[in-house]
N, C-alpha and C. Protein backbone atom coordinates (compact mmCIF):
# COMPACT_ATOMS: atom_id res chain seq x y z
N SER A 1 122.22 119.37 105.58
CA SER A 1 123.40 120.09 104.80
C SER A 1 123.19 119.49 103.30
N GLY A 2 123.92 120.30 102.37
CA GLY A 2 123.92 120.16 101.05
C GLY A 2 124.40 118.76 100.65
N GLN A 3 125.42 118.20 101.46
CA GLN A 3 126.00 116.81 101.14
C GLN A 3 124.91 115.73 101.38
N ASN A 4 124.01 116.00 102.38
CA ASN A 4 123.03 114.94 102.64
C ASN A 4 121.94 114.99 101.54
N ASP A 5 121.70 116.21 101.07
CA ASP A 5 120.66 116.47 99.85
C ASP A 5 121.17 115.61 98.65
N GLN A 6 122.39 115.61 98.39
CA GLN A 6 123.09 114.97 97.24
C GLN A 6 122.86 113.49 97.55
N LEU A 7 123.08 112.98 98.59
CA LEU A 7 123.03 111.62 98.98
C LEU A 7 121.60 111.20 98.89
N SER A 8 120.71 111.96 99.37
CA SER A 8 119.23 111.56 99.22
C SER A 8 118.85 111.52 97.77
N LEU A 9 119.34 112.45 96.94
CA LEU A 9 119.00 112.53 95.50
C LEU A 9 119.45 111.19 94.90
N VAL A 10 120.81 110.99 95.11
CA VAL A 10 121.36 109.71 94.42
C VAL A 10 120.73 108.52 94.89
N THR A 11 120.27 108.37 96.31
CA THR A 11 119.43 107.12 96.75
C THR A 11 118.19 107.27 96.17
N GLU A 12 117.55 108.31 95.91
CA GLU A 12 116.22 108.34 95.37
C GLU A 12 116.25 107.92 93.95
N ARG A 13 117.33 108.38 93.21
CA ARG A 13 117.34 107.87 91.73
C ARG A 13 117.57 106.40 91.61
N CYS A 14 118.46 105.88 92.56
CA CYS A 14 118.86 104.51 92.56
C CYS A 14 117.76 103.55 92.97
N THR A 15 116.85 104.11 93.89
CA THR A 15 115.83 103.31 94.29
C THR A 15 114.70 103.32 93.22
N SER A 16 114.45 104.41 92.61
CA SER A 16 113.46 104.52 91.61
C SER A 16 113.77 103.65 90.41
N LEU A 17 115.04 103.62 89.95
CA LEU A 17 115.42 102.77 88.85
C LEU A 17 115.31 101.26 89.32
N GLY A 18 115.79 100.94 90.42
CA GLY A 18 115.73 99.59 91.06
C GLY A 18 114.25 99.07 91.02
N LEU A 19 113.30 99.86 91.49
CA LEU A 19 111.94 99.66 91.51
C LEU A 19 111.41 99.37 90.11
N ILE A 20 111.72 100.07 89.14
CA ILE A 20 111.31 100.07 87.82
C ILE A 20 111.75 98.61 87.29
N LEU A 21 113.07 98.33 87.57
CA LEU A 21 113.59 97.09 87.17
C LEU A 21 112.93 95.89 87.80
N LEU A 22 112.58 96.04 89.09
CA LEU A 22 111.79 95.12 89.86
C LEU A 22 110.51 94.85 89.22
N THR A 23 109.74 95.88 89.00
CA THR A 23 108.45 95.76 88.28
C THR A 23 108.29 95.12 87.09
N HIS A 24 109.43 95.45 86.18
CA HIS A 24 109.54 94.89 84.94
C HIS A 24 110.53 93.81 84.77
N ALA A 25 110.56 92.98 85.81
CA ALA A 25 111.65 92.06 85.74
C ALA A 25 111.30 90.83 84.46
N ASP A 26 110.24 90.60 84.21
CA ASP A 26 109.87 89.62 83.14
C ASP A 26 109.80 90.34 81.96
N VAL A 27 110.86 90.34 81.13
CA VAL A 27 110.70 90.95 79.84
C VAL A 27 110.97 89.90 78.64
N HIS A 28 110.35 90.11 77.57
CA HIS A 28 110.42 89.11 76.45
C HIS A 28 110.86 89.81 75.14
N GLY A 29 111.56 89.15 74.38
CA GLY A 29 112.11 89.75 72.98
C GLY A 29 113.45 90.26 73.26
N ALA A 30 114.31 90.16 72.35
CA ALA A 30 115.59 90.40 72.32
C ALA A 30 116.04 91.92 72.60
N GLU A 31 115.24 92.76 71.98
CA GLU A 31 115.37 94.15 72.26
C GLU A 31 115.20 94.62 73.65
N ALA A 32 113.97 94.07 74.28
CA ALA A 32 113.76 94.48 75.47
C ALA A 32 114.84 93.86 76.44
N LYS A 33 115.28 92.71 76.29
CA LYS A 33 116.33 92.02 77.17
C LYS A 33 117.59 92.80 77.14
N GLN A 34 117.78 93.28 75.85
CA GLN A 34 119.09 94.13 75.72
C GLN A 34 118.96 95.42 76.55
N MET A 35 117.79 95.99 76.45
CA MET A 35 117.48 97.26 77.12
C MET A 35 117.56 97.05 78.60
N GLN A 36 117.00 96.00 79.10
CA GLN A 36 116.91 95.65 80.56
C GLN A 36 118.41 95.43 80.97
N ALA A 37 119.25 94.68 80.19
CA ALA A 37 120.66 94.50 80.44
C ALA A 37 121.40 95.82 80.77
N SER A 38 121.19 96.82 79.82
CA SER A 38 121.94 98.01 79.95
C SER A 38 121.30 98.89 81.20
N LEU A 39 120.02 98.74 81.40
CA LEU A 39 119.35 99.38 82.64
C LEU A 39 120.07 98.71 83.95
N TYR A 40 120.14 97.37 83.97
CA TYR A 40 120.80 96.84 85.10
C TYR A 40 122.34 97.30 85.24
N GLN A 41 123.09 97.55 84.32
CA GLN A 41 124.32 97.94 84.39
C GLN A 41 124.34 99.47 84.95
N TRP A 42 123.30 100.12 84.41
CA TRP A 42 123.26 101.60 84.89
C TRP A 42 122.95 101.56 86.37
N TYR A 43 121.96 100.74 86.76
CA TYR A 43 121.52 100.59 88.18
C TYR A 43 122.75 100.15 89.04
N SER A 44 123.57 99.11 88.64
CA SER A 44 124.72 98.65 89.40
C SER A 44 125.59 99.84 89.53
N ALA A 45 125.99 100.57 88.60
CA ALA A 45 126.97 101.64 88.70
C ALA A 45 126.29 102.64 89.75
N LEU A 46 124.96 103.04 89.44
CA LEU A 46 124.46 103.85 90.40
C LEU A 46 124.44 103.51 91.83
N HIS A 47 124.17 102.33 91.93
CA HIS A 47 124.14 101.64 93.40
C HIS A 47 125.47 101.69 93.89
N LYS A 48 126.57 101.32 93.34
CA LYS A 48 127.79 101.44 93.81
C LYS A 48 128.16 102.88 94.26
N GLN A 49 127.91 103.80 93.32
CA GLN A 49 128.15 105.19 93.63
C GLN A 49 127.37 105.70 94.89
N ALA A 50 126.25 105.35 95.00
CA ALA A 50 125.30 105.77 96.05
C ALA A 50 125.74 105.11 97.41
N GLN A 51 126.02 103.77 97.34
CA GLN A 51 126.56 103.18 98.54
C GLN A 51 127.94 103.48 99.13
N ASP A 52 128.78 103.85 98.01
CA ASP A 52 130.15 104.37 98.48
C ASP A 52 129.96 105.74 99.12
N LEU A 53 129.17 106.61 98.60
CA LEU A 53 128.92 107.91 99.06
C LEU A 53 128.38 107.84 100.42
N ALA A 54 127.25 106.93 100.69
CA ALA A 54 126.67 106.86 101.95
C ALA A 54 127.57 106.14 102.94
N THR A 55 128.35 105.23 102.61
CA THR A 55 129.16 104.66 103.51
C THR A 55 130.25 105.62 103.98
N SER A 56 130.94 106.25 103.06
CA SER A 56 132.02 107.13 103.41
C SER A 56 131.48 108.39 104.32
N ARG A 57 130.16 108.79 104.06
CA ARG A 57 129.57 109.84 104.86
C ARG A 57 129.42 109.14 106.23
N PHE A 58 128.90 108.07 106.30
CA PHE A 58 128.60 107.54 107.54
C PHE A 58 129.69 107.19 108.41
N GLN A 59 130.78 106.94 107.80
CA GLN A 59 132.02 106.84 108.57
C GLN A 59 132.55 108.08 108.94
N ILE A 60 132.53 109.25 108.16
CA ILE A 60 132.88 110.58 108.44
C ILE A 60 132.14 111.04 109.82
N GLN A 61 130.72 110.81 109.72
CA GLN A 61 129.92 111.39 110.72
C GLN A 61 130.19 110.60 112.13
N LEU A 62 130.48 109.26 111.86
CA LEU A 62 130.60 108.39 113.15
C LEU A 62 131.95 108.72 113.80
N SER A 63 133.09 109.11 112.92
CA SER A 63 134.17 109.50 113.62
C SER A 63 134.14 110.84 114.25
N GLN A 64 133.08 111.72 113.73
CA GLN A 64 133.07 112.96 114.42
C GLN A 64 132.36 112.88 115.74
N VAL A 65 131.23 112.31 115.76
CA VAL A 65 130.39 112.04 116.83
C VAL A 65 130.79 111.09 117.92
N SER A 66 131.56 110.10 117.63
CA SER A 66 131.96 109.26 118.72
C SER A 66 133.28 108.42 118.56
N PRO A 67 134.24 109.21 118.90
CA PRO A 67 135.65 108.67 119.03
C PRO A 67 135.71 107.33 119.86
N GLU A 68 134.81 107.34 120.92
CA GLU A 68 134.93 106.07 121.77
C GLU A 68 134.33 104.83 121.31
N LEU A 69 133.62 104.83 120.00
CA LEU A 69 133.07 103.80 119.35
C LEU A 69 133.90 102.74 119.08
N SER A 70 135.11 102.90 118.93
CA SER A 70 136.03 101.81 118.57
C SER A 70 136.35 100.77 119.59
N GLU A 71 136.42 101.45 120.80
CA GLU A 71 136.49 100.59 122.00
C GLU A 71 135.34 99.62 122.37
N GLN A 72 134.17 100.21 122.28
CA GLN A 72 132.85 99.50 122.63
C GLN A 72 131.84 99.52 121.51
N SER A 73 131.87 98.51 120.56
CA SER A 73 131.12 98.54 119.46
C SER A 73 129.94 97.47 119.55
N ASN A 74 128.91 97.78 120.35
CA ASN A 74 127.73 96.84 120.39
C ASN A 74 126.51 97.54 119.85
N ALA A 75 125.47 96.73 119.52
CA ALA A 75 124.44 97.27 118.74
C ALA A 75 123.74 98.45 119.25
N ASN A 76 123.63 98.40 120.85
CA ASN A 76 122.96 99.53 121.43
C ASN A 76 123.56 100.88 121.23
N ILE A 77 125.02 100.88 121.14
CA ILE A 77 125.64 102.18 121.04
C ILE A 77 125.24 102.74 119.60
N ILE A 78 125.26 101.97 118.55
CA ILE A 78 124.85 102.43 117.28
C ILE A 78 123.29 102.99 117.24
N THR A 79 122.37 102.20 118.04
CA THR A 79 121.11 102.70 118.08
C THR A 79 121.06 104.09 118.88
N ASP A 80 121.81 104.17 119.83
CA ASP A 80 121.75 105.44 120.56
C ASP A 80 122.32 106.45 119.75
N LEU A 81 123.33 106.31 119.11
CA LEU A 81 123.96 107.39 118.26
C LEU A 81 123.06 107.67 117.12
N LEU A 82 122.30 106.76 116.45
CA LEU A 82 121.20 107.09 115.47
C LEU A 82 120.14 107.92 115.96
N ASP A 83 119.80 107.60 117.34
CA ASP A 83 118.70 108.46 117.92
C ASP A 83 119.16 109.86 118.13
N ARG A 84 120.27 110.08 118.52
CA ARG A 84 120.67 111.27 118.87
C ARG A 84 121.30 112.26 117.89
N HIS A 85 121.75 111.50 116.60
CA HIS A 85 122.19 112.44 115.50
C HIS A 85 121.48 112.15 114.32
N SER A 86 120.50 113.27 113.91
CA SER A 86 119.65 112.98 112.70
C SER A 86 120.53 112.81 111.41
N ASP A 87 121.63 113.40 111.34
CA ASP A 87 122.45 113.08 110.04
C ASP A 87 122.91 111.63 109.89
N LEU A 88 123.24 111.06 110.97
CA LEU A 88 123.66 109.65 111.06
C LEU A 88 122.57 108.83 110.61
N HIS A 89 121.22 109.25 111.24
CA HIS A 89 120.08 108.50 110.88
C HIS A 89 119.73 108.59 109.66
N ARG A 90 119.85 109.69 108.84
CA ARG A 90 119.32 109.88 107.55
C ARG A 90 120.32 109.09 106.71
N ILE A 91 121.61 109.02 106.89
CA ILE A 91 122.51 108.26 106.11
C ILE A 91 122.33 106.81 106.21
N ALA A 92 122.09 106.48 107.50
CA ALA A 92 121.71 104.92 107.66
C ALA A 92 120.41 104.52 107.05
N ARG A 93 119.50 105.37 106.96
CA ARG A 93 118.28 105.11 106.09
C ARG A 93 118.58 104.90 104.75
N CYS A 94 119.41 105.80 104.06
CA CYS A 94 119.74 105.65 102.77
C CYS A 94 120.53 104.28 102.59
N LEU A 95 121.45 103.95 103.45
CA LEU A 95 122.20 102.79 103.32
C LEU A 95 121.13 101.51 103.14
N VAL A 96 120.34 101.56 104.28
CA VAL A 96 119.27 100.41 104.33
C VAL A 96 118.44 100.33 103.02
N GLU A 97 117.89 101.49 102.56
CA GLU A 97 117.07 101.48 101.32
C GLU A 97 117.88 101.06 100.23
N LEU A 98 118.93 101.31 99.98
CA LEU A 98 119.85 101.01 98.90
C LEU A 98 120.03 99.45 98.97
N GLN A 99 120.25 98.96 100.21
CA GLN A 99 120.59 97.55 100.41
C GLN A 99 119.29 96.61 99.98
N ILE A 100 118.23 97.10 100.61
CA ILE A 100 116.93 96.18 100.34
C ILE A 100 116.66 96.21 98.95
N ILE A 101 116.59 97.32 98.08
CA ILE A 101 116.34 97.14 96.68
C ILE A 101 117.35 96.31 95.97
N PHE A 102 118.67 96.53 96.34
CA PHE A 102 119.85 95.84 95.58
C PHE A 102 119.47 94.30 95.89
N ASP A 103 119.20 93.79 97.08
CA ASP A 103 118.90 92.48 97.44
C ASP A 103 117.73 92.01 96.70
N ALA A 104 116.78 92.76 96.83
CA ALA A 104 115.55 92.24 96.06
C ALA A 104 115.58 91.94 94.66
N LEU A 105 116.59 92.87 93.90
CA LEU A 105 116.95 92.77 92.45
C LEU A 105 117.64 91.51 92.29
N HIS A 106 118.50 91.22 93.27
CA HIS A 106 119.37 90.03 92.99
C HIS A 106 118.92 88.74 93.49
N LEU A 107 117.63 88.66 93.83
CA LEU A 107 116.93 87.38 94.04
C LEU A 107 116.86 86.68 92.68
N PRO A 108 116.83 85.38 92.70
CA PRO A 108 116.76 84.55 91.58
C PRO A 108 115.48 85.03 90.65
N SER A 109 114.40 85.27 91.21
CA SER A 109 113.05 85.49 90.53
C SER A 109 113.16 86.80 89.80
N ALA A 110 113.95 87.72 90.34
CA ALA A 110 114.05 88.97 89.66
C ALA A 110 115.00 89.07 88.47
N SER A 111 115.92 88.23 88.45
CA SER A 111 116.96 88.29 87.39
C SER A 111 116.41 87.55 85.97
N GLY A 112 115.19 87.08 86.07
CA GLY A 112 114.76 86.41 84.92
C GLY A 112 115.41 85.05 84.65
N GLY A 113 116.02 84.60 85.76
CA GLY A 113 116.60 83.29 85.70
C GLY A 113 115.59 82.08 86.08
N HIS A 114 114.42 82.16 85.84
CA HIS A 114 113.52 81.13 86.12
C HIS A 114 113.22 80.10 85.01
N SER A 115 113.96 80.11 84.00
CA SER A 115 113.82 79.35 82.90
C SER A 115 114.66 77.98 82.87
N SER A 116 115.41 77.90 84.12
CA SER A 116 116.22 76.78 84.18
C SER A 116 115.38 75.41 84.41
N GLY A 117 115.96 74.22 84.27
CA GLY A 117 115.25 73.06 84.24
C GLY A 117 114.43 72.88 83.09
N SER A 118 114.28 71.44 82.63
CA SER A 118 113.68 70.99 81.48
C SER A 118 112.26 70.58 81.70
N HIS A 119 111.32 71.16 80.79
CA HIS A 119 109.92 70.78 81.01
C HIS A 119 109.55 69.66 80.06
């Protein structure tokens, strides 16, 4: 559906920007650091937008396909649902992709914060 195309596009943009930031985590010079800081802000806003979109889509899909989920929520039920419903599966993949890049960017090494400690 068109909604999932939009989600895929937003996820792709967010991932691309995140990967650029990961690849160029080590920047030197005031201008470069300033540019990096604004890219991080842009990435954070994009990530929040994409994650909110994916989460709400996932919840909507979930409520449509499985009203009985609230009573019995174990991991197998989610796996079964993802196997049976391609839309749910696609949204879940977006959520995972968004989270992996977000986590990688927020590791201490990626934030350029490895200058702590006196040599």
